[in-house]
Amino acid sequence: MPLVEAHRDAFSLEHELDPKEINNKQHLLVIGSAADESLISSVDYWKKNGISIDFLPYRVYELAGEKYFEFFALPYDKHKNPSDVKGVLFDTNRSWDENSIWSMMDNSRLEAYGDAKRFVHHVHVGDIVFFSHKWCGLIAAAKVKGEVKAPDSETLYRDVEFLTPIPNRKDNKLLAMPFSEVSSKTGKSFFWARTIKVPYLTKNEALELVEELKKYLHRT
C-alpha cells in the first residue's frame, strides 16, 4: 500500500496528502541506557549541530534486593544513577491532610500517605528535598538522612535534616517561594500535579536552589 493511502486510512482523512507533504520534517528518538555516556554525548553533539533529536533513557538497577527496569518518556528525569545525590521537589500532601505539613516540620520528616506513600522510596539518604506546599510554593529544604519507616499502614517517612529555616505553625504567615519563582530560578518546567515534581535536580542545581530559597525566605 502506498504511504499516502496508509496515512489517510490511519488518520481517517477525507483526502490523501500530497506526497511532498509526507515526511517533510524528521525527528529522531534514540532509546538507550542511561549509563551509555558515549551515546548521550553523541546525541548532544547531533542536537547542537541542528539535528532534531531526543534521547529517551532506560536503566536497570537493584533496590532492596529487587531488580527494576525504569524507562522515561519526555519530559524525563535526566538523573542517571540512582545512587547519585539529587534534588527532589516533594509535595506535602496537603490534599490528603491539611495538617500533614506540621507532622513533617515538627518531626523533621519527609512523609507521604495513602497511594502516594510509595514515592518516599524514590528519594535516598543524601538527597536534597524541597517541601512543595499546594497553593503556596516551596516552604523549606532538607537533606534526607534516614531509611524508610512505616509508623502505620497509610504512612511512610524518612528523617531529614533541615537546610533552611523550619516553618512554625504558631507564625501568622507561612512563607513560601512561589512555583513561578522556582521555575524561573531553575530554568525548568516541573510537573506540578505529581507528588514528586519531575524533573529531578542535579546536586549542584539543588544546592543553588537551597541558597535561593534561603534568600527568598529571609527577604520575605
Protein backbone atom coordinates (compact mmCIF):
# COMPACT_ATOMS: atom_id res chain seq x y z
CA MET A 1 0.00 0.00 0.00
CA PRO A 2 1.38 3.48 -0.83
CA LEU A 3 2.33 5.55 2.20
CA VAL A 4 -0.18 8.33 1.43
CA GLU A 5 -3.01 5.78 1.37
CA ALA A 6 -1.88 4.17 4.63
CA HIS A 7 -1.63 7.63 6.21
CA ARG A 8 -5.14 8.56 5.04
CA ASP A 9 -6.60 5.34 6.45
CA ALA A 10 -4.70 5.52 9.74
CA PHE A 11 -5.90 9.05 10.49
CA SER A 12 -9.32 8.80 8.82
CA LEU A 13 -8.60 11.66 6.43
CA GLU A 14 -11.09 12.61 3.73
CA HIS A 15 -8.31 13.01 1.15
CA GLU A 16 -4.77 11.78 0.79
CA LEU A 17 -1.96 14.23 1.47
CA ASP A 18 0.22 15.26 -1.41
CA PRO A 19 3.40 13.09 -1.39
CA LYS A 20 5.56 16.19 -0.86
CA GLU A 21 3.70 16.85 2.41
CA ILE A 22 4.74 13.47 3.82
CA ASN A 23 7.97 13.25 5.84
CA ASN A 24 8.99 16.84 5.23
CA LYS A 25 10.37 17.10 8.75
CA GLN A 26 12.13 14.24 10.54
CA HIS A 27 12.57 13.87 14.30
CA LEU A 28 14.73 11.12 15.76
CA LEU A 29 14.15 9.48 19.16
CA VAL A 30 17.10 7.47 20.43
CA ILE A 31 16.35 4.92 23.17
CA GLY A 32 19.35 3.77 25.17
CA SER A 33 20.88 3.04 28.55
CA ALA A 34 21.12 6.00 30.92
CA ALA A 35 24.67 4.83 31.65
CA ASP A 36 25.78 4.96 28.00
CA GLU A 37 27.84 8.15 28.17
CA SER A 38 29.15 7.86 24.60
CA LEU A 39 25.64 7.60 23.18
CA ILE A 40 24.42 10.53 25.28
CA SER A 41 27.40 12.61 24.14
CA SER A 42 26.65 11.73 20.51
CA VAL A 43 23.02 12.80 20.86
CA ASP A 44 24.11 16.08 22.47
CA TYR A 45 26.56 16.63 19.60
CA TRP A 46 23.93 15.99 16.92
CA LYS A 47 21.43 18.25 18.70
CA LYS A 48 23.96 21.10 18.87
CA ASN A 49 24.55 20.69 15.14
CA GLY A 50 20.92 21.20 14.26
CA ILE A 51 19.59 17.65 14.16
CA SER A 52 16.05 17.31 15.56
CA ILE A 53 16.75 14.55 18.07
CA ASP A 54 15.91 13.50 21.63
CA PHE A 55 17.32 10.82 23.92
CA LEU A 56 14.98 8.58 25.94
CA PRO A 57 16.91 6.73 28.67
CA TYR A 58 16.21 3.49 30.45
CA ARG A 59 18.06 2.00 33.40
CA VAL A 60 18.15 -1.29 35.26
CA TYR A 61 19.05 -1.30 38.93
CA GLU A 62 18.61 -3.21 42.17
CA LEU A 63 16.86 -1.75 45.20
CA ALA A 64 16.29 -3.62 48.46
CA GLY A 65 17.01 -6.94 46.75
CA GLU A 66 14.53 -6.31 43.91
CA LYS A 67 15.55 -5.63 40.30
CA TYR A 68 13.84 -2.74 38.50
CA PHE A 69 13.62 -1.64 34.87
CA GLU A 70 12.87 2.07 34.54
CA PHE A 71 12.03 3.82 31.28
CA PHE A 72 11.45 7.52 30.74
CA ALA A 73 9.19 9.41 28.37
CA LEU A 74 9.57 13.13 27.76
CA PRO A 75 9.84 15.21 29.85
CA TYR A 76 12.04 12.80 31.75
CA ASP A 77 14.32 12.67 34.75
CA LYS A 78 17.87 13.21 33.49
CA HIS A 79 19.29 11.88 36.76
CA LYS A 80 21.32 8.89 35.55
CA ASN A 81 22.45 6.96 38.59
CA PRO A 82 20.01 6.28 41.46
CA SER A 83 22.94 6.37 43.90
CA ASP A 84 23.92 9.94 42.93
CA VAL A 85 22.72 12.80 45.12
CA LYS A 86 19.77 14.56 43.52
CA GLY A 87 17.32 17.33 44.34
CA VAL A 88 13.63 16.46 44.58
CA LEU A 89 10.62 18.74 44.86
CA PHE A 90 8.27 16.73 47.10
CA ASP A 91 4.62 17.51 47.78
CA THR A 92 3.43 17.98 51.38
CA ASN A 93 0.25 16.02 50.60
CA ARG A 94 -1.98 18.95 51.52
CA SER A 95 -4.86 17.35 49.61
CA TRP A 96 -4.60 14.30 51.87
CA ASP A 97 -4.44 16.20 55.15
CA GLU A 98 -4.22 19.97 55.70
CA ASN A 99 -2.09 19.38 58.80
CA SER A 100 0.33 16.83 57.33
CA ILE A 101 2.82 19.64 56.77
CA TRP A 102 3.17 20.14 60.54
CA SER A 103 3.83 16.47 61.16
CA MET A 104 6.78 16.83 58.80
CA MET A 105 8.03 20.15 60.13
CA ASP A 106 7.66 19.29 63.82
CA ASN A 107 9.26 15.85 63.50
CA SER A 108 11.89 16.64 60.81
CA ARG A 109 10.47 14.11 58.39
CA LEU A 110 9.54 13.67 54.77
CA GLU A 111 6.20 11.88 54.76
CA ALA A 112 3.72 10.56 52.21
CA TYR A 113 0.36 8.92 52.67
CA GLY A 114 -2.09 6.53 51.06
CA ASP A 115 -1.44 5.69 47.42
CA ALA A 116 1.32 8.34 47.28
CA LYS A 117 3.39 6.82 50.09
CA ARG A 118 5.42 4.76 47.60
CA PHE A 119 7.17 7.95 46.46
CA VAL A 120 9.16 8.01 49.70
CA HIS A 121 11.17 5.15 48.17
CA HIS A 122 12.16 7.45 45.28
CA VAL A 123 14.42 9.57 47.48
CA HIS A 124 17.54 8.28 49.20
CA VAL A 125 19.90 9.17 52.01
CA GLY A 126 21.85 12.27 51.00
CA ASP A 127 19.24 13.59 48.56
CA ILE A 128 18.04 17.17 48.98
CA VAL A 129 14.27 17.53 49.20
CA PHE A 130 12.21 20.68 48.78
CA PHE A 131 8.83 20.74 50.52
CA SER A 132 6.25 21.85 47.96
CA HIS A 133 3.05 23.10 49.60
CA LYS A 134 -0.02 23.23 47.35
CA TRP A 135 -1.23 26.79 46.50
CA CYS A 136 1.84 28.28 48.20
CA GLY A 137 5.22 27.15 46.85
CA LEU A 138 8.43 25.84 48.39
CA ILE A 139 8.42 26.28 52.15
CA ALA A 140 11.64 24.52 53.20
CA ALA A 141 14.55 22.33 52.07
CA ALA A 142 16.20 19.42 53.86
CA LYS A 143 18.74 16.65 53.45
CA VAL A 144 17.49 13.07 53.72
CA LYS A 145 19.32 11.16 56.47
CA GLY A 146 17.08 8.26 57.44
CA GLU A 147 15.83 5.00 55.98
CA VAL A 148 12.19 4.42 55.11
CA LYS A 149 9.94 3.82 58.13
CA ALA A 150 6.25 2.91 58.41
CA PRO A 151 4.51 4.15 61.58
CA ASP A 152 1.18 2.85 60.26
CA SER A 153 -0.32 1.19 57.18
CA GLU A 154 -1.05 4.53 55.47
CA THR A 155 2.24 6.33 56.07
CA LEU A 156 5.88 6.08 55.03
CA TYR A 157 8.56 8.57 56.04
CA ARG A 158 12.27 9.35 56.14
CA ASP A 159 14.06 11.51 58.70
CA VAL A 160 15.61 14.71 57.34
CA GLU A 161 17.94 17.49 58.43
CA PHE A 162 16.64 20.93 57.50
CA LEU A 163 18.86 23.23 55.42
CA THR A 164 16.53 26.24 55.62
CA PRO A 165 14.50 27.81 58.46
CA ILE A 166 11.75 25.47 59.65
CA PRO A 167 8.19 26.83 59.32
CA ASN A 168 6.40 27.22 62.64
CA ARG A 169 2.67 26.63 62.95
CA LYS A 170 2.50 29.45 65.52
CA ASP A 171 3.56 32.04 62.95
CA ASN A 172 0.76 34.03 61.41
CA LYS A 173 2.13 33.59 57.88
CA LEU A 174 3.60 30.62 56.04
CA LEU A 175 6.49 31.89 53.94
CA ALA A 176 6.98 30.21 50.56
CA MET A 177 8.82 30.70 47.29
CA PRO A 178 6.11 30.74 44.57
CA PHE A 179 6.19 27.99 41.98
CA SER A 180 6.72 30.54 39.22
CA GLU A 181 9.83 31.77 41.01
CA VAL A 182 11.10 28.19 41.34
CA SER A 183 10.79 27.63 37.60
CA SER A 184 12.47 30.97 36.92
CA LYS A 185 15.42 30.23 39.22
CA THR A 186 15.98 26.68 37.94
CA GLY A 187 15.08 27.24 34.29
CA LYS A 188 12.93 24.11 34.43
CA SER A 189 9.26 23.31 33.88
CA PHE A 190 8.03 20.92 36.57
CA PHE A 191 5.11 18.51 36.52
CA TRP A 192 3.38 20.12 39.50
CA ALA A 193 0.47 17.66 39.63
CA ARG A 194 2.64 14.82 40.93
CA THR A 195 3.79 14.07 44.47
CA ILE A 196 7.34 14.20 43.09
CA LYS A 197 7.72 17.19 40.80
CA VAL A 198 9.86 15.89 37.96
CA PRO A 199 12.36 16.55 36.55
CA TYR A 200 14.88 15.97 39.33
CA LEU A 201 17.66 18.46 40.02
CA THR A 202 21.35 17.62 39.99
CA LYS A 203 23.25 18.03 43.25
CA ASN A 204 24.65 21.40 42.16
CA GLU A 205 21.26 22.62 40.96
CA ALA A 206 19.71 21.55 44.27
CA LEU A 207 22.36 23.36 46.34
CA GLU A 208 21.88 26.51 44.27
CA LEU A 209 18.12 26.33 44.81
CA VAL A 210 18.67 25.90 48.56
CA GLU A 211 20.61 29.18 48.62
CA GLU A 212 17.96 30.93 46.53
CA LEU A 213 15.24 29.63 48.84
CA LYS A 214 17.13 30.88 51.91
CA LYS A 215 17.44 34.34 50.35
CA TYR A 216 13.78 34.41 49.37
CA LEU A 217 12.51 33.31 52.78
CA HIS A 218 14.80 35.80 54.53
CA ARG A 219 13.68 38.61 52.19
CA THR A 220 10.02 37.94 52.79
